[in-house]
């Protein structure tokens, strides 16, 4: 006898034999997990309900929690399909409870056609059953989690007296980075520069009047870096580039190198890496995609989880130069999916969808189309 037959029989006894197959279906499906769907309007509503800065701060705590249990995760470098125009990637990871993945692209030329450079979506599923619990947009969420990760790393690596940051590259990620560093590190002065002056004006407009933040346009990247305690590079071109040179980096500065995130794309002169302590997310992936792709295979780096758990030192003195060679790792998207599912469920944002069929007899899938 199947579980469904047992369920129908139980219902007949409880209701004096007055049951229907439809009622049995309803009862059966109540025991089945549901898939929550979060689209772009839902994530906007979620962020507005929580507040952008608070969303980033709460997400940073989820990311920190997951990095703290690093060894519980199945990990691999992302699977990438490269073309002349860009890259499309899958980023999976899992622990004993959840499996998560992100689909994401990177096509810098898209802006010429009024399309986003980076677009993403993702899913979170139960490991025990394989059932998808969440299907979510991750374009906006990726921007939020990238900023949360940057500020989290900096909170452990930058000087404690840091109060200003240079932002080189004022495109889609810049506002998120500034809000994250203001919220988590209490930075107030942001020196901003982009070769596209319109991008800088856009940034100024978006954050105009934001309490506690001063946006200070610079004439050049070197000018922006001159008085900055932290330097964030977040440029988009998929080319070997030298956005920063050693003469632009003072002792004690923390570098947050976000833009170099695929083979053939860098932002930092190799000389900066040679004089710095370099920290990464997942070394095998960063060796391929990060700024350290310029360096020898034995160039020393430290994975962030080792600093977080006290296995290796971070910044050792105020004069150290520290670099976070950020490429984005699946664990951060896993954390973001967990956070979105938790908050959307609590706030009842999004909707549940019939992504997975639920036949009365799971061995009779054909019955759903017969």
Protein backbone atom coordinates (compact mmCIF):
# COMPACT_ATOMS: atom_id res chain seq x y z
CA UNK A 1 0.00 0.00 0.00
CA UNK A 2 1.36 3.44 -0.94
CA UNK A 3 1.68 6.39 1.43
CA UNK A 4 -1.08 8.10 -0.49
CA UNK A 5 -3.42 5.10 -0.05
CA UNK A 6 -2.70 5.07 3.67
CA UNK A 7 -3.47 8.78 3.77
CA UNK A 8 -6.76 8.35 1.92
CA UNK A 9 -7.75 5.49 4.22
CA UNK A 10 -7.00 7.57 7.30
CA UNK A 11 -9.09 10.40 5.93
CA UNK A 12 -12.04 8.06 5.21
CA UNK A 13 -12.06 6.83 8.81
CA UNK A 14 -11.88 10.33 10.20
CA UNK A 15 -14.70 11.55 7.94
CA UNK A 16 -17.07 8.55 7.93
CA UNK A 17 -15.91 7.50 4.50
CA UNK A 18 -16.76 10.86 2.93
CA UNK A 19 -13.51 11.63 1.14
CA UNK A 20 -12.40 12.68 -2.28
CA UNK A 21 -9.23 12.22 -4.23
CA UNK A 22 -8.93 16.01 -4.48
CA UNK A 23 -8.96 16.34 -0.68
CA UNK A 24 -6.32 13.61 -0.47
CA UNK A 25 -4.18 15.54 -2.94
CA UNK A 26 -4.44 18.68 -0.82
CA UNK A 27 -3.39 16.85 2.33
CA UNK A 28 -0.51 15.13 0.56
CA UNK A 29 0.84 18.39 -0.80
CA UNK A 30 0.76 20.07 2.60
CA UNK A 31 3.51 17.68 3.65
CA UNK A 32 5.58 18.50 0.54
CA UNK A 33 8.12 21.36 0.75
CA UNK A 34 7.24 24.46 -1.22
CA UNK A 35 9.43 26.50 -3.52
CA UNK A 36 9.53 30.21 -2.78
CA UNK A 37 10.07 32.42 -5.83
CA UNK A 38 11.74 35.82 -5.48
CA UNK A 39 11.76 38.08 -8.55
CA UNK A 40 13.29 41.52 -8.99
CA UNK A 41 10.28 43.32 -7.53
CA UNK A 42 10.32 40.99 -4.53
CA UNK A 43 13.99 41.63 -3.79
CA UNK A 44 13.38 45.36 -4.10
CA UNK A 45 10.54 45.07 -1.60
CA UNK A 46 12.71 42.96 0.72
CA UNK A 47 15.60 45.44 0.63
CA UNK A 48 13.28 48.41 1.16
CA UNK A 49 11.58 46.67 4.08
CA UNK A 50 14.91 45.96 5.79
CA UNK A 51 16.91 48.97 4.55
CA UNK A 52 19.85 48.66 2.16
CA UNK A 53 22.61 49.20 4.73
CA UNK A 54 20.96 46.90 7.28
CA UNK A 55 20.40 44.26 4.59
CA UNK A 56 24.14 44.35 3.79
CA UNK A 57 25.11 44.20 7.47
CA UNK A 58 22.81 41.26 8.22
CA UNK A 59 24.00 39.45 5.10
CA UNK A 60 27.62 40.00 6.18
CA UNK A 61 26.84 38.14 9.40
CA UNK A 62 25.47 35.19 7.42
CA UNK A 63 28.62 35.18 5.25
CA UNK A 64 30.86 35.34 8.32
CA UNK A 65 28.96 32.48 9.94
CA UNK A 66 29.39 30.29 6.86
CA UNK A 67 33.09 31.12 6.44
CA UNK A 68 33.54 30.17 10.11
CA UNK A 69 32.43 26.61 9.27
CA UNK A 70 34.43 26.42 6.06
CA UNK A 71 35.36 22.76 6.39
CA UNK A 72 31.69 21.68 6.44
CA UNK A 73 31.24 22.70 2.78
CA UNK A 74 31.74 20.88 -0.49
CA UNK A 75 33.80 23.37 -2.52
CA UNK A 76 34.99 23.78 -6.08
CA UNK A 77 35.99 26.57 -8.42
CA UNK A 78 33.14 27.84 -10.55
CA UNK A 79 32.44 26.22 -13.91
CA UNK A 80 33.01 28.85 -16.60
CA UNK A 81 32.19 29.03 -20.31
CA UNK A 82 34.25 31.80 -21.90
CA UNK A 83 33.60 33.56 -25.21
CA UNK A 84 35.06 36.61 -26.93
CA UNK A 85 32.20 38.66 -25.51
CA UNK A 86 32.29 37.51 -21.90
CA UNK A 87 31.74 34.58 -19.59
CA UNK A 88 28.84 32.50 -18.24
CA UNK A 89 29.42 30.65 -14.98
CA UNK A 90 27.82 28.20 -12.55
CA UNK A 91 28.79 28.48 -8.89
CA UNK A 92 27.74 25.53 -6.67
CA UNK A 93 28.40 24.60 -3.05
CA UNK A 94 26.66 22.66 -0.27
CA UNK A 95 26.77 21.71 3.38
CA UNK A 96 24.91 18.88 5.13
CA UNK A 97 21.59 20.75 4.97
CA UNK A 98 21.47 22.86 1.80
CA UNK A 99 22.75 22.82 -1.77
CA UNK A 100 22.99 26.19 -3.50
CA UNK A 101 24.09 27.39 -6.92
CA UNK A 102 24.25 30.61 -8.89
CA UNK A 103 24.11 31.20 -12.63
CA UNK A 104 25.97 34.40 -13.48
CA UNK A 105 27.47 36.11 -16.52
CA UNK A 106 29.97 38.85 -17.18
CA UNK A 107 29.62 40.74 -20.48
CA UNK A 108 31.16 44.23 -20.28
CA UNK A 109 29.95 45.22 -23.76
CA UNK A 110 26.31 44.75 -22.74
CA UNK A 111 26.05 48.34 -21.55
CA UNK A 112 26.37 49.47 -25.17
CA UNK A 113 23.01 47.77 -25.77
CA UNK A 114 21.53 49.11 -22.54
CA UNK A 115 21.86 45.72 -20.86
CA UNK A 116 23.47 44.84 -17.54
CA UNK A 117 27.07 43.63 -17.51
CA UNK A 118 26.28 41.07 -14.79
CA UNK A 119 23.02 39.11 -14.46
CA UNK A 120 22.32 36.22 -12.12
CA UNK A 121 19.77 33.89 -10.59
CA UNK A 122 20.11 31.00 -8.17
CA UNK A 123 18.48 28.22 -6.19
CA UNK A 124 18.70 26.69 -2.73
CA UNK A 125 17.64 23.08 -2.18
CA UNK A 126 17.40 20.53 0.61
CA UNK A 127 20.34 18.13 0.54
CA UNK A 128 18.25 15.38 2.14
CA UNK A 129 15.54 15.34 -0.54
CA UNK A 130 16.95 17.45 -3.37
CA UNK A 131 13.80 19.58 -3.26
CA UNK A 132 14.32 23.24 -4.32
CA UNK A 133 13.22 25.55 -1.52
CA UNK A 134 14.11 28.84 -3.22
CA UNK A 135 14.40 30.14 -6.77
CA UNK A 136 15.63 33.71 -6.68
CA UNK A 137 16.95 36.58 -8.70
CA UNK A 138 20.59 37.15 -7.79
CA UNK A 139 21.58 40.18 -9.87
CA UNK A 140 20.70 42.74 -7.22
CA UNK A 141 21.49 40.25 -4.47
CA UNK A 142 24.97 39.61 -5.92
CA UNK A 143 25.72 43.34 -5.76
CA UNK A 144 24.64 43.34 -2.13
CA UNK A 145 26.62 40.21 -1.20
CA UNK A 146 29.75 41.45 -3.02
CA UNK A 147 29.65 44.63 -0.97
CA UNK A 148 28.92 42.69 2.22
CA UNK A 149 31.89 40.39 1.56
CA UNK A 150 34.23 43.31 0.83
CA UNK A 151 33.31 45.09 4.05
CA UNK A 152 33.47 41.87 6.08
CA UNK A 153 37.01 41.11 4.89
CA UNK A 154 38.07 44.72 5.48
CA UNK A 155 36.65 44.67 9.01
CA UNK A 156 39.17 41.93 9.80
CA UNK A 157 42.11 43.19 7.69
CA UNK A 158 42.05 47.00 7.52
CA UNK A 159 43.48 49.30 10.18
CA UNK A 160 41.01 49.93 12.97
CA UNK A 161 41.40 53.70 12.56
CA UNK A 162 40.50 53.65 8.83
CA UNK A 163 37.99 56.39 8.03
CA UNK A 164 38.24 56.99 4.27
CA UNK A 165 38.16 54.98 1.06
CA UNK A 166 39.00 55.52 -2.60
CA UNK A 167 36.58 53.93 -5.05
CA UNK A 168 38.12 53.44 -8.51
CA UNK A 169 35.34 52.51 -10.90
CA UNK A 170 31.97 54.13 -10.25
CA UNK A 171 29.70 51.72 -12.10
CA UNK A 172 26.99 49.36 -10.90
CA UNK A 173 28.81 48.14 -7.76
CA UNK A 174 30.08 51.45 -6.40
CA UNK A 175 27.08 52.57 -4.32
CA UNK A 176 26.81 49.16 -2.67
CA UNK A 177 30.49 49.21 -1.69
CA UNK A 178 30.21 52.67 -0.18
CA UNK A 179 27.09 51.82 1.83
CA UNK A 180 28.71 48.60 3.08
CA UNK A 181 31.92 50.28 4.23
CA UNK A 182 30.02 53.13 5.85
CA UNK A 183 27.76 50.71 7.73
CA UNK A 184 30.31 48.08 8.79
CA UNK A 185 33.47 50.19 9.19
CA UNK A 186 32.00 53.64 9.82
CA UNK A 187 33.88 55.18 6.88
CA UNK A 188 32.77 58.70 6.07
CA UNK A 189 34.91 60.15 3.25
CA UNK A 190 34.87 58.46 -0.17
CA UNK A 191 37.20 59.66 -2.92
CA UNK A 192 35.69 58.50 -6.21
CA UNK A 193 37.06 58.30 -9.73
CA UNK A 194 36.00 56.79 -13.05
CA UNK A 195 37.26 57.38 -16.57
CA UNK A 196 33.58 57.89 -17.40
CA UNK A 197 32.59 61.14 -15.70
CA UNK A 198 28.91 60.28 -16.14
CA UNK A 199 29.37 57.24 -13.89
CA UNK A 200 30.76 59.45 -11.14
CA UNK A 201 27.86 61.90 -11.52
CA UNK A 202 25.45 58.96 -11.27
CA UNK A 203 27.12 57.85 -8.03
CA UNK A 204 26.98 61.35 -6.59
CA UNK A 205 23.29 61.64 -7.45
CA UNK A 206 22.37 58.27 -5.95
CA UNK A 207 24.05 58.94 -2.61
CA UNK A 208 23.44 62.69 -2.40
CA UNK A 209 22.35 63.63 1.10
CA UNK A 210 23.00 60.19 2.57
CA UNK A 211 23.70 60.84 6.28
CA UNK A 212 27.33 60.53 7.31
CA UNK A 213 28.73 59.99 3.78
CA UNK A 214 30.80 62.51 1.82
CA UNK A 215 31.36 61.77 -1.88
CA UNK A 216 34.53 63.53 -3.05
CA UNK A 217 35.20 63.34 -6.81
CA UNK A 218 38.88 63.00 -7.76
CA UNK A 219 40.73 64.09 -10.89
CA UNK A 220 42.50 60.74 -11.30
CA UNK A 221 42.94 57.33 -9.67
CA UNK A 222 46.17 58.55 -8.09
CA UNK A 223 44.40 61.62 -6.72
CA UNK A 224 41.64 59.44 -5.23
CA UNK A 225 44.16 57.18 -3.49
CA UNK A 226 46.32 59.93 -2.05
CA UNK A 227 44.59 60.27 1.35
CA UNK A 228 42.60 57.01 1.43
CA UNK A 229 42.96 54.41 4.20
CA UNK A 230 41.24 51.78 2.03
CA UNK A 231 41.25 51.50 -1.76
CA UNK A 232 38.53 49.65 -3.65
CA UNK A 233 38.99 48.89 -7.33
CA UNK A 234 35.84 47.75 -9.08
CA UNK A 235 36.37 48.11 -12.82
CA UNK A 236 34.63 46.05 -15.49
CA UNK A 237 36.79 45.62 -18.61
CA UNK A 238 37.81 41.99 -19.16
CA UNK A 239 41.44 42.85 -19.94
CA UNK A 240 44.80 42.77 -18.24
CA UNK A 241 44.93 46.26 -16.78
CA UNK A 242 46.96 48.23 -14.29
CA UNK A 243 44.51 50.38 -12.35
CA UNK A 244 46.89 50.81 -9.41
CA UNK A 245 50.70 51.00 -9.34
CA UNK A 246 52.95 50.65 -6.29
CA UNK A 247 53.57 54.39 -6.00
CA UNK A 248 49.83 54.90 -5.39
CA UNK A 249 49.73 52.64 -2.32
CA UNK A 250 50.87 54.01 1.04
CA UNK A 251 51.98 51.86 4.00
CA UNK A 252 49.02 50.75 6.11
CA UNK A 253 46.49 50.77 3.26
CA UNK A 254 44.01 47.94 2.75
CA UNK A 255 43.24 47.14 -0.91
CA UNK A 256 39.88 45.69 -1.88
CA UNK A 257 40.47 44.45 -5.46
CA UNK A 258 37.02 43.48 -6.72
CA UNK A 259 37.16 43.91 -10.50
CA UNK A 260 39.69 41.21 -11.39
CA UNK A 261 37.49 38.13 -11.47
CA UNK A 262 38.33 36.00 -14.51
CA UNK A 263 41.33 34.71 -16.48
CA UNK A 264 42.96 37.54 -18.42
CA UNK A 265 41.59 40.33 -16.20
CA UNK A 266 43.61 42.14 -13.54
CA UNK A 267 43.65 45.54 -11.84
CA UNK A 268 46.79 45.63 -9.67
CA UNK A 269 50.40 45.97 -10.72
CA UNK A 270 52.33 42.86 -9.66
CA UNK A 271 54.60 45.05 -7.57
CA UNK A 272 51.71 45.82 -5.22
CA UNK A 273 51.13 42.12 -4.60
CA UNK A 274 54.81 41.58 -3.91
CA UNK A 275 54.84 44.16 -1.11
CA UNK A 276 51.51 43.14 0.43
CA UNK A 277 49.89 40.42 2.51
CA UNK A 278 47.34 38.85 0.14
CA UNK A 279 44.09 37.24 1.28
CA UNK A 280 41.69 35.22 -0.88
CA UNK A 281 38.38 33.38 -0.70
CA UNK A 282 39.17 29.96 -2.27
CA UNK A 283 42.78 29.72 -3.40
CA UNK A 284 42.34 27.28 -6.35
CA UNK A 285 39.78 29.64 -7.93
CA UNK A 286 41.67 32.86 -7.20
CA UNK A 287 44.88 31.46 -8.73
CA UNK A 288 42.99 31.28 -12.03
CA UNK A 289 40.79 34.38 -11.85
CA UNK A 290 42.26 36.90 -9.42
CA UNK A 291 45.05 39.41 -9.58
CA UNK A 292 47.41 36.69 -8.34
CA UNK A 293 47.10 34.99 -11.74
CA UNK A 294 50.08 37.24 -12.58
CA UNK A 295 52.20 35.62 -9.87
CA UNK A 296 54.11 32.34 -9.58
CA UNK A 297 52.15 29.28 -8.50
CA UNK A 298 53.83 29.32 -5.08
CA UNK A 299 53.15 33.01 -4.39
CA UNK A 300 51.97 33.03 -0.75
CA UNK A 301 48.32 33.80 0.03
CA UNK A 302 46.02 33.20 2.99
CA UNK A 303 42.42 32.01 2.74
CA UNK A 304 40.09 34.24 4.75
CA UNK A 305 38.54 31.44 6.80
CA UNK A 306 41.97 30.78 8.31
CA UNK A 307 42.11 34.36 9.62
CA UNK A 308 38.52 34.23 10.84
CA UNK A 309 39.19 31.03 12.82
CA UNK A 310 42.53 32.21 14.19
CA UNK A 311 44.61 29.66 12.26
CA UNK A 312 46.67 32.34 10.49
CA UNK A 313 47.32 36.03 11.16
CA UNK A 314 45.70 38.86 9.29
CA UNK A 315 47.17 42.35 9.52
CA UNK A 316 50.04 42.21 11.99
CA UNK A 317 50.91 45.91 12.27
CA UNK A 318 49.50 49.25 11.15
CA UNK A 319 52.13 49.70 8.45
CA UNK A 320 51.23 46.44 6.68
CA UNK A 321 49.65 46.62 3.22
CA UNK A 322 46.83 44.09 2.96
CA UNK A 323 45.06 42.99 -0.22
CA UNK A 324 41.76 41.17 -0.56
CA UNK A 325 42.00 39.60 -4.03
CA UNK A 326 38.23 39.29 -4.47
CA UNK A 327 36.80 37.13 -7.24
CA UNK A 328 33.50 36.09 -5.65
CA UNK A 329 33.01 32.58 -4.30
CA UNK A 330 29.97 30.28 -4.24
CA UNK A 331 29.89 30.24 -0.44
CA UNK A 332 28.89 33.91 -0.42
CA UNK A 333 25.98 33.23 -2.77
CA UNK A 334 24.98 30.26 -0.60
CA UNK A 335 24.88 32.64 2.38
CA UNK A 336 22.87 35.14 0.36
CA UNK A 337 20.33 32.50 -0.66
CA UNK A 338 19.97 31.37 2.96
CA UNK A 339 19.47 34.96 4.07
CA UNK A 340 16.93 35.77 1.36
CA UNK A 341 14.94 32.61 2.12
CA UNK A 342 14.90 33.32 5.86
CA UNK A 343 13.91 36.98 5.54
CA UNK A 344 11.41 36.47 2.72
CA UNK A 345 9.68 33.72 4.71
CA UNK A 346 9.50 35.83 7.87
CA UNK A 347 8.25 38.91 5.99
CA UNK A 348 6.05 36.87 3.62
CA UNK A 349 7.62 38.36 0.50
CA UNK A 350 7.59 36.51 -2.82
CA UNK A 351 5.26 33.68 -3.69
CA UNK A 352 5.26 29.90 -3.63
CA UNK A 353 5.27 28.21 -7.01
CA UNK A 354 4.65 24.71 -8.34
CA UNK A 355 8.15 24.26 -9.68
CA UNK A 356 8.17 20.54 -8.90
CA UNK A 357 5.26 18.19 -9.78
CA UNK A 358 3.48 16.44 -6.91
CA UNK A 359 1.66 13.35 -8.27
CA UNK A 360 -0.36 11.28 -5.80
CA UNK A 361 1.82 8.32 -6.73
CA UNK A 362 5.44 9.51 -7.16
CA UNK A 363 6.08 6.54 -9.46
CA UNK A 364 3.34 7.71 -11.81
CA UNK A 365 4.59 11.01 -13.20
CA UNK A 366 2.75 10.30 -16.45
CA UNK A 367 -0.57 10.70 -14.61
CA UNK A 368 -0.05 14.46 -14.52
CA UNK A 369 -0.31 14.75 -18.31
CA UNK A 370 -2.61 11.82 -19.11
